N, C-alpha and C. Protein backbone atom coordinates (compact mmCIF):
# COMPACT_ATOMS: atom_id res chain seq x y z
N UNK A 1 5.40 -25.37 10.47
CA UNK A 1 4.95 -25.22 9.34
C UNK A 1 6.46 -24.80 8.45
N UNK A 2 6.33 -25.16 7.32
CA UNK A 2 7.39 -25.28 6.23
C UNK A 2 7.68 -23.73 5.24
N UNK A 3 8.74 -23.12 5.06
CA UNK A 3 8.84 -21.92 4.60
C UNK A 3 8.62 -21.97 3.48
N UNK A 4 7.47 -20.92 3.01
CA UNK A 4 7.36 -20.90 1.32
C UNK A 4 8.43 -21.23 -0.03
N UNK A 5 7.57 -22.49 -0.59
CA UNK A 5 8.63 -22.70 -1.81
C UNK A 5 8.09 -22.15 -2.98
N UNK A 6 7.94 -21.44 -2.98
CA UNK A 6 7.57 -20.27 -3.85
C UNK A 6 7.00 -18.69 -3.74
N UNK A 7 7.50 -17.98 -5.02
CA UNK A 7 7.22 -16.38 -4.23
C UNK A 7 6.73 -15.85 -5.57
N UNK A 8 5.70 -14.94 -5.15
CA UNK A 8 4.58 -14.28 -6.08
C UNK A 8 5.11 -12.86 -6.40
N UNK A 9 5.31 -12.14 -7.30
CA UNK A 9 5.82 -11.06 -7.22
C UNK A 9 4.28 -10.32 -7.74
N UNK A 10 4.16 -9.21 -7.13
CA UNK A 10 2.06 -8.92 -6.56
C UNK A 10 2.19 -7.68 -6.33
N UNK A 11 1.18 -6.75 -6.79
CA UNK A 11 0.69 -5.47 -6.12
C UNK A 11 -1.12 -5.70 -5.65
N UNK A 12 -1.54 -5.51 -4.73
CA UNK A 12 -2.62 -5.95 -4.05
C UNK A 12 -3.40 -4.97 -4.48
N UNK A 13 -3.38 -3.88 -5.65
CA UNK A 13 -4.36 -3.10 -6.09
C UNK A 13 -4.33 -4.21 -7.69
N UNK A 14 -3.72 -5.11 -7.86
CA UNK A 14 -4.15 -5.86 -9.71
C UNK A 14 -5.01 -6.48 -9.40
N UNK A 15 -6.44 -6.49 -10.70
CA UNK A 15 -6.85 -7.85 -10.27
C UNK A 15 -6.90 -9.02 -11.13
N UNK A 16 -5.74 -9.07 -11.35
CA UNK A 16 -5.17 -10.08 -11.89
C UNK A 16 -4.18 -10.98 -11.19
N UNK A 17 -3.24 -10.09 -9.89
CA UNK A 17 -3.02 -10.46 -8.66
C UNK A 17 -3.88 -11.04 -8.01
N UNK A 18 -5.02 -10.33 -7.72
CA UNK A 18 -6.18 -10.92 -6.66
C UNK A 18 -6.82 -12.05 -7.06
N UNK A 19 -6.87 -12.60 -8.28
CA UNK A 19 -7.33 -13.86 -9.23
C UNK A 19 -6.69 -15.04 -8.57
N UNK A 20 -5.45 -15.25 -8.25
CA UNK A 20 -4.25 -15.78 -8.06
C UNK A 20 -4.20 -15.59 -6.34
N UNK A 21 -4.53 -14.80 -5.56
CA UNK A 21 -4.23 -15.03 -4.53
C UNK A 21 -5.81 -15.65 -4.20
N UNK A 22 -7.16 -14.94 -4.47
CA UNK A 22 -8.04 -15.87 -4.09
C UNK A 22 -7.93 -17.40 -4.69
N UNK A 23 -7.77 -17.92 -5.68
CA UNK A 23 -7.46 -19.11 -6.02
C UNK A 23 -6.65 -19.73 -4.85
N UNK A 24 -5.17 -19.27 -4.69
CA UNK A 24 -4.55 -19.80 -2.94
C UNK A 24 -5.82 -19.73 -2.19
N UNK A 25 -6.35 -18.71 -1.74
CA UNK A 25 -7.07 -19.25 -0.55
C UNK A 25 -8.11 -20.29 -0.79
N UNK A 26 -8.72 -20.17 -1.65
CA UNK A 26 -9.40 -21.43 -1.58
C UNK A 26 -8.91 -23.11 -1.94
N UNK A 27 -7.85 -22.88 -2.58
CA UNK A 27 -7.48 -23.77 -2.16
C UNK A 27 -6.51 -24.79 -1.26
N UNK A 28 -6.47 -23.54 -0.25
CA UNK A 28 -5.73 -23.89 0.79
C UNK A 28 -3.98 -23.88 0.77
N UNK A 29 -3.70 -23.37 -0.55
CA UNK A 29 -2.08 -22.94 -0.61
C UNK A 29 -1.39 -21.71 -0.21
N UNK A 30 -2.04 -20.83 0.48
CA UNK A 30 -1.53 -19.45 0.81
C UNK A 30 -0.12 -19.26 1.63
N UNK A 31 -0.09 -20.27 2.27
CA UNK A 31 1.19 -20.83 2.62
C UNK A 31 2.44 -20.92 2.14
N UNK A 32 2.31 -21.33 1.05
CA UNK A 32 3.55 -22.02 -0.07
C UNK A 32 3.78 -20.61 -0.59
N UNK A 33 3.53 -19.77 -0.25
CA UNK A 33 3.95 -18.65 -1.68
C UNK A 33 4.35 -17.26 -0.15
N UNK A 34 5.52 -17.06 -0.81
CA UNK A 34 5.71 -15.39 -0.08
C UNK A 34 5.40 -14.72 -1.75
N UNK A 35 5.12 -13.87 -0.34
CA UNK A 35 4.99 -12.34 -1.56
C UNK A 35 5.80 -11.28 -1.51
N UNK A 36 6.15 -10.90 -2.66
CA UNK A 36 7.29 -10.04 -3.31
C UNK A 36 6.14 -8.60 -3.94
N UNK A 37 6.52 -7.78 -3.23
CA UNK A 37 5.71 -6.37 -3.72
C UNK A 37 6.37 -5.85 -4.52
N UNK A 38 5.68 -5.54 -5.94
CA UNK A 38 5.69 -4.97 -6.59
C UNK A 38 5.11 -3.64 -6.98
N UNK A 39 6.29 -2.40 -7.57
CA UNK A 39 5.18 -0.86 -8.17
C UNK A 39 4.73 -1.14 -9.08
N UNK A 40 3.02 -0.71 -9.35
CA UNK A 40 2.47 -0.62 -10.63
C UNK A 40 2.92 0.34 -11.41
N UNK A 41 3.53 -0.15 -12.66
CA UNK A 41 4.18 1.29 -13.37
C UNK A 41 4.47 1.16 -14.73
N UNK A 42 3.66 1.41 -15.75
CA UNK A 42 3.70 0.60 -17.33
C UNK A 42 4.59 1.52 -17.83
N UNK A 43 5.63 2.57 -17.52
CA UNK A 43 6.85 3.51 -17.56
C UNK A 43 7.89 3.29 -16.38
N UNK A 44 8.00 3.29 -15.61
CA UNK A 44 8.85 2.75 -14.03
C UNK A 44 9.48 0.84 -14.36
N UNK A 45 10.12 0.66 -14.70
CA UNK A 45 9.97 -1.00 -15.08
C UNK A 45 10.93 -1.56 -13.40
N UNK A 46 10.29 -2.16 -12.44
CA UNK A 46 10.75 -2.65 -12.03
C UNK A 46 11.83 -4.03 -12.19
N UNK A 47 13.09 -3.51 -11.73
CA UNK A 47 14.45 -4.64 -11.87
C UNK A 47 14.46 -5.79 -11.32
N UNK A 48 13.76 -6.08 -10.52
CA UNK A 48 13.46 -7.57 -10.06
C UNK A 48 12.55 -8.36 -10.38
N UNK A 49 11.02 -7.46 -11.24
CA UNK A 49 10.50 -8.14 -11.55
C UNK A 49 10.32 -9.03 -13.19
N UNK A 50 11.72 -7.68 -13.74
CA UNK A 50 12.03 -8.31 -15.01
C UNK A 50 13.17 -9.37 -15.06
N UNK A 51 14.00 -9.59 -14.01
CA UNK A 51 15.01 -10.58 -14.63
C UNK A 51 14.65 -11.54 -14.77
N UNK A 52 13.51 -12.12 -14.67
CA UNK A 52 13.46 -13.24 -15.84
C UNK A 52 11.74 -13.15 -16.09
N UNK A 53 11.17 -12.32 -16.32
CA UNK A 53 10.02 -11.89 -16.96
C UNK A 53 10.06 -10.43 -17.57
N UNK A 54 10.74 -10.70 -18.65
CA UNK A 54 11.14 -9.44 -19.68
C UNK A 54 9.70 -8.31 -19.99
N UNK A 55 8.58 -9.48 -19.94
CA UNK A 55 7.25 -8.33 -20.20
C UNK A 55 6.85 -7.65 -18.78
N UNK A 56 7.65 -7.56 -17.90
CA UNK A 56 7.23 -6.86 -16.38
C UNK A 56 5.32 -7.24 -16.32
N UNK A 57 5.58 -8.13 -16.66
CA UNK A 57 4.02 -8.81 -16.09
C UNK A 57 3.84 -9.22 -14.51
N UNK A 58 2.77 -8.55 -14.08
CA UNK A 58 2.12 -9.18 -12.90
C UNK A 58 1.16 -9.71 -12.67
N UNK A 59 0.50 -11.16 -12.24
CA UNK A 59 1.49 -11.72 -11.01
C UNK A 59 2.68 -12.20 -11.81
N UNK A 60 4.14 -12.69 -11.59
CA UNK A 60 4.72 -13.90 -11.90
C UNK A 60 4.88 -14.94 -10.45
N UNK A 61 5.44 -15.93 -11.01
CA UNK A 61 5.37 -16.81 -10.29
C UNK A 61 6.50 -17.46 -9.58
N UNK A 62 7.38 -17.26 -9.06
CA UNK A 62 8.87 -17.87 -8.89
C UNK A 62 8.79 -19.10 -8.02
N UNK A 63 9.05 -20.30 -9.25
CA UNK A 63 8.97 -21.76 -8.11
C UNK A 63 9.56 -22.18 -7.68
N UNK A 64 9.71 -23.32 -6.88
CA UNK A 64 11.03 -23.90 -6.31
C UNK A 64 12.59 -24.18 -6.54
N UNK A 65 12.12 -24.65 -7.75
CA UNK A 65 13.54 -24.36 -8.54
C UNK A 65 14.26 -23.34 -9.10
N UNK A 66 13.49 -22.05 -8.98
CA UNK A 66 14.33 -20.95 -9.65
C UNK A 66 12.99 -20.55 -10.91
N UNK A 67 12.54 -21.58 -11.54
CA UNK A 67 11.72 -21.15 -13.09
C UNK A 67 10.87 -19.84 -12.37
N UNK A 68 10.71 -19.04 -13.43
CA UNK A 68 9.60 -17.60 -13.40
C UNK A 68 8.46 -17.97 -14.40
N UNK A 69 7.01 -18.47 -13.96
CA UNK A 69 6.41 -18.92 -14.73
C UNK A 69 5.22 -17.54 -14.71
N UNK A 70 4.57 -16.72 -15.83
CA UNK A 70 3.37 -15.83 -15.80
C UNK A 70 2.86 -15.98 -17.22
N UNK A 71 1.81 -15.51 -17.56
CA UNK A 71 0.88 -14.19 -16.49
C UNK A 71 -0.40 -15.31 -15.39
N UNK A 72 -0.98 -14.44 -15.14
CA UNK A 72 -2.35 -15.18 -14.09
C UNK A 72 -2.79 -16.05 -15.16
N UNK A 73 -2.92 -15.86 -15.66
CA UNK A 73 -4.07 -17.56 -16.38
C UNK A 73 -2.94 -19.02 -16.69
N UNK A 74 -1.93 -18.76 -17.00
CA UNK A 74 -0.63 -19.54 -16.54
C UNK A 74 -0.12 -19.90 -15.02
N UNK A 75 -0.09 -19.05 -14.22
CA UNK A 75 -0.28 -19.31 -12.59
C UNK A 75 -1.54 -20.14 -12.24
N UNK A 76 -2.71 -19.49 -12.84
CA UNK A 76 -3.60 -20.03 -12.36
C UNK A 76 -3.40 -21.42 -12.31
N UNK A 77 -2.96 -21.65 -13.38
CA UNK A 77 -3.21 -23.01 -14.32
C UNK A 77 -2.21 -24.23 -13.58
N UNK A 78 -1.13 -23.94 -13.25
CA UNK A 78 -0.12 -24.60 -12.76
C UNK A 78 -0.52 -24.44 -11.53
N UNK A 79 -1.13 -23.57 -10.18
CA UNK A 79 -1.67 -23.75 -8.88
C UNK A 79 -2.66 -24.56 -9.20
N UNK A 80 -3.58 -24.80 -9.88
CA UNK A 80 -4.67 -25.69 -9.59
C UNK A 80 -4.49 -27.50 -10.45
N UNK A 81 -3.21 -27.28 -10.42
CA UNK A 81 -2.37 -28.99 -10.22
C UNK A 81 -1.92 -29.29 -9.32
N UNK A 82 -1.72 -28.02 -8.59
CA UNK A 82 -0.97 -28.62 -7.24
C UNK A 82 -1.47 -28.49 -6.01
N UNK A 83 -2.85 -28.96 -5.84
CA UNK A 83 -3.87 -28.91 -4.81
C UNK A 83 -4.55 -30.59 -4.67
N UNK A 84 -5.14 -31.13 -4.20
CA UNK A 84 -5.07 -31.88 -3.76
C UNK A 84 -7.19 -32.18 -4.05
N UNK A 85 -7.70 -31.02 -3.59
CA UNK A 85 -8.83 -31.02 -3.66
C UNK A 85 -9.68 -31.14 -5.31
N UNK A 86 -11.00 -30.52 -5.68
CA UNK A 86 -11.41 -30.51 -6.86
C UNK A 86 -10.74 -29.62 -7.42
N UNK A 87 -10.54 -29.53 -8.99
CA UNK A 87 -10.23 -28.67 -9.81
C UNK A 87 -11.12 -27.31 -9.93
N UNK A 88 -10.64 -26.24 -10.05
CA UNK A 88 -11.29 -24.89 -9.89
C UNK A 88 -10.79 -24.57 -11.75
N UNK A 89 -10.15 -25.15 -12.17
CA UNK A 89 -10.04 -25.11 -13.93
C UNK A 89 -10.65 -26.91 -14.33
N UNK A 90 -11.68 -26.90 -14.96
CA UNK A 90 -11.92 -28.42 -15.53
C UNK A 90 -11.10 -29.15 -16.57
N UNK A 91 -10.38 -30.06 -16.56
CA UNK A 91 -9.36 -30.68 -16.84
C UNK A 91 -9.57 -31.06 -18.48
N UNK A 92 -10.69 -31.40 -18.35
CA UNK A 92 -11.29 -31.50 -20.07
C UNK A 92 -12.83 -31.15 -20.73
N UNK A 93 -13.28 -31.72 -21.86
CA UNK A 93 -14.39 -31.31 -22.47
C UNK A 93 -14.79 -29.93 -22.14
N UNK A 94 -16.66 -30.01 -22.66
CA UNK A 94 -16.67 -28.56 -22.84
C UNK A 94 -16.86 -27.65 -21.76
N UNK A 95 -16.99 -27.91 -20.64
CA UNK A 95 -17.20 -27.48 -19.37
C UNK A 95 -15.96 -26.58 -19.55
N UNK A 96 -14.46 -27.27 -19.12
CA UNK A 96 -13.39 -26.52 -19.54
C UNK A 96 -13.28 -25.23 -20.32
N UNK A 97 -13.78 -25.62 -21.87
CA UNK A 97 -13.68 -24.47 -22.71
C UNK A 97 -14.48 -22.99 -22.53
N UNK A 98 -15.95 -23.59 -22.05
CA UNK A 98 -16.96 -22.81 -21.35
C UNK A 98 -16.37 -21.81 -20.08
N UNK A 99 -15.58 -22.37 -18.88
CA UNK A 99 -15.46 -21.91 -18.26
C UNK A 99 -13.63 -21.29 -18.26
N UNK A 100 -13.22 -21.73 -19.60
CA UNK A 100 -12.29 -20.32 -19.78
C UNK A 100 -12.75 -18.94 -20.69
N UNK A 101 -13.37 -19.23 -21.04
CA UNK A 101 -13.98 -18.05 -22.28
C UNK A 101 -14.33 -17.32 -21.33
N UNK A 102 -15.16 -17.81 -19.93
CA UNK A 102 -15.71 -17.03 -19.23
C UNK A 102 -15.10 -16.43 -18.20
N UNK A 103 -14.12 -17.10 -18.11
CA UNK A 103 -12.67 -16.29 -17.24
C UNK A 103 -11.72 -15.24 -18.00
N UNK A 104 -11.73 -15.70 -19.66
CA UNK A 104 -11.34 -14.85 -20.58
C UNK A 104 -12.23 -13.42 -20.40
N UNK A 105 -13.26 -13.76 -20.55
CA UNK A 105 -14.28 -12.62 -20.92
C UNK A 105 -14.29 -11.65 -19.77
N UNK A 106 -13.67 -12.12 -18.55
CA UNK A 106 -13.19 -11.12 -17.04
C UNK A 106 -12.26 -10.62 -17.36
N UNK A 107 -11.02 -11.58 -17.85
CA UNK A 107 -9.86 -10.40 -18.21
C UNK A 107 -9.97 -9.35 -18.87
N UNK A 108 -11.09 -9.66 -20.25
CA UNK A 108 -10.81 -8.29 -20.86
C UNK A 108 -11.71 -7.25 -20.74
N UNK A 109 -12.16 -7.58 -19.59
CA UNK A 109 -12.99 -6.58 -18.56
C UNK A 109 -11.93 -5.46 -17.23
N UNK A 110 -11.22 -6.31 -17.13
CA UNK A 110 -9.97 -5.74 -16.53
C UNK A 110 -8.77 -5.06 -17.27
N UNK A 111 -8.55 -5.89 -18.47
CA UNK A 111 -8.11 -4.85 -19.17
C UNK A 111 -8.05 -3.49 -20.13
N UNK A 112 -9.49 -3.55 -20.22
CA UNK A 112 -10.09 -2.24 -20.58
C UNK A 112 -10.23 -1.51 -19.49
N UNK A 113 -10.42 -2.14 -18.05
CA UNK A 113 -10.73 -1.04 -17.13
C UNK A 113 -9.34 -0.49 -16.80
N UNK A 114 -8.18 -1.04 -16.90
CA UNK A 114 -6.73 -1.24 -16.91
C UNK A 114 -6.47 -0.17 -17.79
N UNK A 115 -6.76 -0.18 -18.75
CA UNK A 115 -6.35 0.92 -20.09
C UNK A 115 -7.15 2.30 -19.89
N UNK A 116 -8.08 1.82 -19.45
CA UNK A 116 -8.80 3.39 -18.99
C UNK A 116 -8.38 4.27 -17.82
N UNK A 117 -7.50 3.16 -17.41
CA UNK A 117 -7.14 4.17 -15.47
C UNK A 117 -5.78 4.47 -16.15
N UNK A 118 -4.91 3.92 -16.93
CA UNK A 118 -3.98 4.16 -17.21
C UNK A 118 -4.14 5.68 -18.24
N UNK A 119 -5.38 5.60 -18.80
CA UNK A 119 -5.31 6.88 -20.15
C UNK A 119 -5.84 8.36 -19.06
N UNK A 120 -6.60 7.80 -17.91
CA UNK A 120 -7.28 8.99 -16.94
C UNK A 120 -6.11 9.69 -16.28
N UNK A 121 -5.16 8.53 -15.57
CA UNK A 121 -3.92 9.07 -14.80
C UNK A 121 -2.90 9.28 -15.53
N UNK A 122 -2.72 9.31 -16.42
CA UNK A 122 -1.18 8.98 -17.24
C UNK A 122 -1.47 10.22 -18.20
N UNK A 123 -2.78 10.41 -18.40
CA UNK A 123 -2.12 11.53 -19.14
C UNK A 123 -3.43 12.91 -19.09
N UNK A 124 -2.55 13.68 -19.74
CA UNK A 124 -3.09 15.15 -18.95
C UNK A 124 -4.58 15.19 -19.81
N UNK A 125 -5.87 16.05 -19.18
CA UNK A 125 -6.90 15.87 -19.44
C UNK A 125 -6.77 16.26 -20.97
N UNK A 126 -5.84 17.66 -21.37
CA UNK A 126 -6.27 18.06 -22.93
C UNK A 126 -5.79 16.68 -23.78
N UNK A 127 -5.15 15.61 -23.25
CA UNK A 127 -4.77 14.63 -24.02
C UNK A 127 -5.15 13.47 -24.28
N UNK A 128 -6.41 13.55 -23.68
CA UNK A 128 -6.92 12.23 -23.00
C UNK A 128 -7.79 11.73 -24.72
N UNK A 129 -7.62 10.85 -25.36
CA UNK A 129 -8.47 10.56 -26.66
C UNK A 129 -9.72 9.97 -26.05
N UNK A 130 -10.84 10.50 -26.57
CA UNK A 130 -12.39 10.13 -25.40
C UNK A 130 -12.61 9.19 -26.92
N UNK A 131 -12.56 9.34 -27.65
CA UNK A 131 -13.78 7.83 -28.58
C UNK A 131 -12.43 7.02 -28.09
N UNK A 132 -11.21 6.14 -27.80
CA UNK A 132 -11.02 5.21 -27.68
C UNK A 132 -11.35 4.93 -26.11
N UNK A 133 -11.33 5.79 -25.18
CA UNK A 133 -12.39 5.59 -23.82
C UNK A 133 -13.59 5.42 -23.56
N UNK A 134 -14.32 5.95 -24.97
CA UNK A 134 -15.15 5.45 -24.92
C UNK A 134 -15.40 4.06 -25.81
N UNK A 135 -14.57 3.44 -26.76
CA UNK A 135 -14.12 1.89 -26.73
C UNK A 135 -14.50 1.14 -26.22
N UNK A 136 -13.55 1.60 -24.52
CA UNK A 136 -13.07 0.60 -23.68
C UNK A 136 -14.25 0.23 -23.16
N UNK A 137 -14.94 1.62 -22.48
CA UNK A 137 -16.06 1.20 -21.64
C UNK A 137 -17.60 0.67 -22.36
N UNK A 138 -17.66 0.36 -23.75
CA UNK A 138 -18.29 -0.16 -24.36
C UNK A 138 -18.23 -1.27 -24.40
N UNK A 139 -17.18 -1.75 -23.90
CA UNK A 139 -16.11 -3.26 -24.46
C UNK A 139 -16.82 -4.09 -22.67
N UNK A 140 -16.45 -2.88 -21.81
CA UNK A 140 -16.78 -3.48 -20.52
C UNK A 140 -18.75 -3.69 -20.10
N UNK A 141 -19.26 -2.78 -20.89
CA UNK A 141 -20.74 -2.65 -20.93
C UNK A 141 -21.23 -3.74 -21.43
N UNK A 142 -20.91 -4.25 -22.42
CA UNK A 142 -20.71 -5.32 -23.14
C UNK A 142 -20.76 -6.95 -22.80
N UNK A 143 -19.68 -6.74 -22.17
CA UNK A 143 -19.23 -8.01 -21.52
C UNK A 143 -20.17 -7.97 -20.18
N UNK A 144 -20.55 -6.85 -19.72
CA UNK A 144 -21.38 -6.94 -18.41
C UNK A 144 -22.25 -7.45 -18.75
N UNK A 145 -22.80 -6.81 -20.11
CA UNK A 145 -24.42 -7.64 -20.33
C UNK A 145 -24.71 -9.04 -20.69
N UNK A 146 -23.27 -10.18 -21.64
CA UNK A 146 -23.39 -11.04 -21.97
C UNK A 146 -23.57 -11.79 -20.13
N UNK A 147 -22.22 -11.64 -19.57
CA UNK A 147 -22.66 -12.23 -18.30
C UNK A 147 -24.11 -11.97 -17.62
N UNK A 148 -24.74 -10.85 -17.43
CA UNK A 148 -26.03 -10.56 -16.94
C UNK A 148 -27.13 -11.54 -17.12
N UNK A 149 -27.19 -11.64 -18.71
CA UNK A 149 -28.15 -12.51 -19.38
C UNK A 149 -28.06 -13.66 -19.94
N UNK A 150 -26.67 -14.52 -19.62
CA UNK A 150 -26.26 -15.74 -20.38
C UNK A 150 -25.23 -16.58 -19.28
N UNK A 151 -24.79 -15.85 -17.98
CA UNK A 151 -23.92 -16.72 -17.06
C UNK A 151 -24.32 -16.59 -15.91
N UNK A 152 -25.14 -16.09 -15.19
CA UNK A 152 -25.54 -16.08 -14.11
C UNK A 152 -25.58 -17.49 -13.41
N UNK A 153 -26.43 -18.61 -14.16
CA UNK A 153 -26.57 -19.85 -13.51
C UNK A 153 -25.19 -20.62 -13.21
N UNK A 154 -24.16 -20.33 -13.98
CA UNK A 154 -23.10 -21.10 -14.38
C UNK A 154 -22.52 -20.09 -13.04
N UNK A 155 -22.31 -19.31 -13.08
CA UNK A 155 -21.08 -18.40 -11.88
C UNK A 155 -21.85 -18.82 -11.07
N UNK A 156 -23.27 -19.22 -10.92
CA UNK A 156 -23.78 -19.38 -9.02
C UNK A 156 -23.66 -20.85 -8.74
N UNK A 157 -23.13 -21.76 -9.93
CA UNK A 157 -22.95 -23.22 -9.70
C UNK A 157 -22.08 -23.44 -9.04
N UNK A 158 -21.03 -22.92 -9.48
CA UNK A 158 -19.28 -23.43 -8.55
C UNK A 158 -18.66 -21.81 -8.56
N UNK A 159 -17.99 -21.77 -7.60
CA UNK A 159 -16.82 -20.89 -7.45
C UNK A 159 -15.22 -21.02 -8.10
N UNK A 160 -15.37 -21.24 -9.65
CA UNK A 160 -14.07 -21.84 -9.87
C UNK A 160 -13.59 -21.06 -10.30
N UNK A 161 -12.50 -20.97 -11.26
CA UNK A 161 -11.60 -20.16 -12.19
C UNK A 161 -12.94 -19.21 -13.24
N UNK A 162 -13.95 -19.14 -13.85
CA UNK A 162 -14.58 -17.87 -14.43
C UNK A 162 -15.44 -17.35 -13.01
N UNK A 163 -15.96 -17.56 -11.78
CA UNK A 163 -16.12 -17.53 -10.86
C UNK A 163 -15.57 -16.23 -10.14
N UNK A 164 -14.54 -16.58 -10.34
CA UNK A 164 -13.00 -16.35 -9.46
C UNK A 164 -12.80 -15.03 -10.46
N UNK A 165 -12.52 -15.38 -12.04
CA UNK A 165 -12.41 -14.39 -12.54
C UNK A 165 -13.22 -13.03 -13.00
N UNK A 166 -14.97 -13.41 -13.06
CA UNK A 166 -15.58 -12.76 -13.21
C UNK A 166 -15.55 -11.18 -11.29
N UNK A 167 -15.38 -12.21 -10.32
CA UNK A 167 -16.06 -11.84 -9.19
C UNK A 167 -14.29 -10.24 -9.16
N UNK A 168 -13.73 -10.89 -9.50
CA UNK A 168 -12.25 -9.96 -9.23
C UNK A 168 -12.22 -9.28 -10.27
N UNK A 169 -12.78 -8.85 -11.60
CA UNK A 169 -13.48 -7.45 -12.30
C UNK A 169 -13.96 -6.92 -11.91
N UNK A 170 -15.01 -7.54 -11.87
CA UNK A 170 -16.06 -6.50 -11.09
C UNK A 170 -15.50 -5.71 -9.53
N UNK A 171 -14.70 -6.56 -8.65
CA UNK A 171 -13.97 -5.74 -7.30
C UNK A 171 -12.84 -4.50 -8.23
N UNK A 172 -12.81 -4.74 -9.06
CA UNK A 172 -11.91 -3.02 -9.69
C UNK A 172 -12.30 -2.65 -10.48
N UNK A 173 -13.95 -2.92 -11.11
CA UNK A 173 -14.74 -1.72 -11.37
C UNK A 173 -14.90 -0.89 -10.28
N UNK A 174 -15.15 -1.75 -9.36
CA UNK A 174 -15.60 -1.26 -7.86
C UNK A 174 -14.65 -0.59 -7.02
N UNK A 175 -13.01 -1.22 -7.41
CA UNK A 175 -12.40 0.18 -7.06
C UNK A 175 -11.67 1.47 -7.53
N UNK A 176 -11.60 1.42 -9.02
CA UNK A 176 -11.43 2.29 -9.91
C UNK A 176 -12.61 3.42 -10.28
N UNK A 177 -13.57 2.10 -10.29
CA UNK A 177 -14.58 3.14 -11.05
C UNK A 177 -15.80 3.25 -9.96
N UNK A 178 -15.96 4.11 -8.96
CA UNK A 178 -17.13 3.66 -8.02
C UNK A 178 -18.01 3.98 -8.60
N UNK A 179 -18.13 5.19 -9.70
CA UNK A 179 -19.49 5.64 -10.22
C UNK A 179 -19.89 5.19 -11.29
N UNK A 180 -19.29 4.13 -11.74
CA UNK A 180 -19.50 3.57 -13.01
C UNK A 180 -21.33 2.96 -13.08
N UNK A 181 -21.75 2.77 -11.95
CA UNK A 181 -23.01 2.34 -11.93
C UNK A 181 -23.29 1.05 -12.58
N UNK A 182 -22.61 0.03 -12.75
CA UNK A 182 -22.70 -1.23 -13.51
C UNK A 182 -23.55 -1.94 -12.98
N UNK A 183 -24.44 -2.12 -11.60
CA UNK A 183 -25.35 -2.46 -10.76
C UNK A 183 -26.68 -2.06 -11.62
N UNK A 184 -26.85 -0.95 -11.84
CA UNK A 184 -28.16 -0.62 -12.29
C UNK A 184 -28.73 -1.60 -13.52
N UNK A 185 -27.95 -1.83 -13.96
CA UNK A 185 -27.85 -2.37 -15.32
C UNK A 185 -27.97 -3.75 -15.21
N UNK A 186 -27.48 -4.48 -13.91
CA UNK A 186 -27.04 -5.60 -14.66
C UNK A 186 -27.52 -5.83 -12.42
N UNK A 187 -28.92 -5.81 -12.35
CA UNK A 187 -29.48 -6.46 -11.20
C UNK A 187 -28.70 -7.82 -10.83
N UNK A 188 -28.67 -9.04 -11.71
CA UNK A 188 -28.62 -10.29 -11.32
C UNK A 188 -27.16 -10.53 -10.76
N UNK A 189 -26.30 -9.55 -11.63
CA UNK A 189 -24.77 -10.11 -11.72
C UNK A 189 -24.30 -9.43 -9.81
N UNK A 190 -24.75 -8.28 -9.91
CA UNK A 190 -25.06 -7.58 -8.83
C UNK A 190 -25.25 -7.88 -7.53
N UNK A 191 -26.58 -9.19 -7.81
CA UNK A 191 -26.38 -10.18 -6.52
C UNK A 191 -25.61 -10.90 -6.48
N UNK A 192 -24.82 -11.89 -7.38
CA UNK A 192 -24.61 -12.85 -7.23
C UNK A 192 -22.79 -12.14 -6.55
N UNK A 193 -22.90 -11.11 -7.12
CA UNK A 193 -21.44 -10.51 -6.66
C UNK A 193 -21.17 -10.09 -5.33
N UNK A 194 -22.44 -9.39 -4.31
CA UNK A 194 -22.81 -9.36 -3.37
C UNK A 194 -22.61 -10.68 -2.31
N UNK A 195 -23.10 -12.15 -2.82
CA UNK A 195 -22.80 -12.78 -2.16
C UNK A 195 -21.46 -13.39 -2.19
N UNK A 196 -20.94 -13.73 -3.35
CA UNK A 196 -19.66 -13.86 -3.45
C UNK A 196 -18.59 -13.27 -2.76
N UNK A 197 -18.50 -12.03 -2.37
CA UNK A 197 -18.47 -11.19 -1.63
C UNK A 197 -17.82 -11.22 -0.73
N UNK A 198 -18.30 -11.75 0.18
CA UNK A 198 -18.80 -12.61 1.89
C UNK A 198 -17.59 -13.76 1.85
N UNK A 199 -17.78 -14.76 0.62
CA UNK A 199 -16.53 -15.28 0.77
C UNK A 199 -15.25 -14.92 1.76
N UNK A 200 -14.75 -15.84 2.62
CA UNK A 200 -13.33 -15.91 2.83
C UNK A 200 -12.10 -15.00 2.24
N UNK A 201 -11.86 -16.19 0.94
CA UNK A 201 -11.08 -15.85 0.14
C UNK A 201 -11.30 -14.41 -0.72
N UNK A 202 -12.43 -13.62 -0.79
CA UNK A 202 -12.60 -12.46 -1.54
C UNK A 202 -12.63 -11.21 -0.29
N UNK A 203 -12.91 -11.96 0.69
CA UNK A 203 -12.33 -10.63 2.25
C UNK A 203 -11.12 -10.63 2.13
N UNK A 204 -10.25 -11.54 2.46
CA UNK A 204 -8.84 -11.47 2.39
C UNK A 204 -8.05 -10.99 1.38
N UNK A 205 -8.71 -11.07 0.46
CA UNK A 205 -7.78 -9.94 -0.87
C UNK A 205 -8.37 -8.82 -1.37
N UNK A 206 -9.42 -8.44 -0.41
CA UNK A 206 -10.23 -6.99 -1.01
C UNK A 206 -9.01 -6.12 -1.45
N UNK A 207 -8.84 -5.67 -2.07
CA UNK A 207 -7.70 -4.63 -2.66
C UNK A 207 -8.45 -3.04 -1.42
N UNK A 208 -7.29 -2.32 -1.15
CA UNK A 208 -7.57 -1.11 -0.48
C UNK A 208 -6.80 0.05 -1.37
N UNK A 209 -7.60 0.83 -1.56
CA UNK A 209 -6.98 2.02 -2.28
C UNK A 209 -6.00 2.79 -1.68
């Protein structure tokens, strides 16, 4: 087995990193990538991560020639062009834009969830901005509602960029907000998530708090 030709700056708790890891497993590329752990903190930059990635985003991927690409959307697109199987991101047509739109919605759930997490963990309780927290939670609720009512058939049809992204978003909700109770309002989404959570790629990348 040859040595990995790329390095992924990652943290196993990041849902954005998990998307990349799931795609690597689904496409059989995990052995091509070495993993470099990064500490997740919005206020304490990681010098190694920031060297060629000034925004300090994870994941970031260092290619064989030393080039660093980021963020997860760019990395996923790059890696999906590096394997010989069926693409997980449609190359063209209306399917491409629909699947990327669903993936973007999942990213929005992740973004809102991370922002809520930061507000609750990094700020003293008396400084919490309750209206802002409520607005972020409402974004999550609306997105889950749309996925429940308009996207189940599409998510079920292929485990591609859309399904991977939604699955990782739901996994992050379970990790950080186990009392959210999103399943009660979204039973079809809950059933779908239960099924895809049994995939080897999802099991191998399951975050541990």
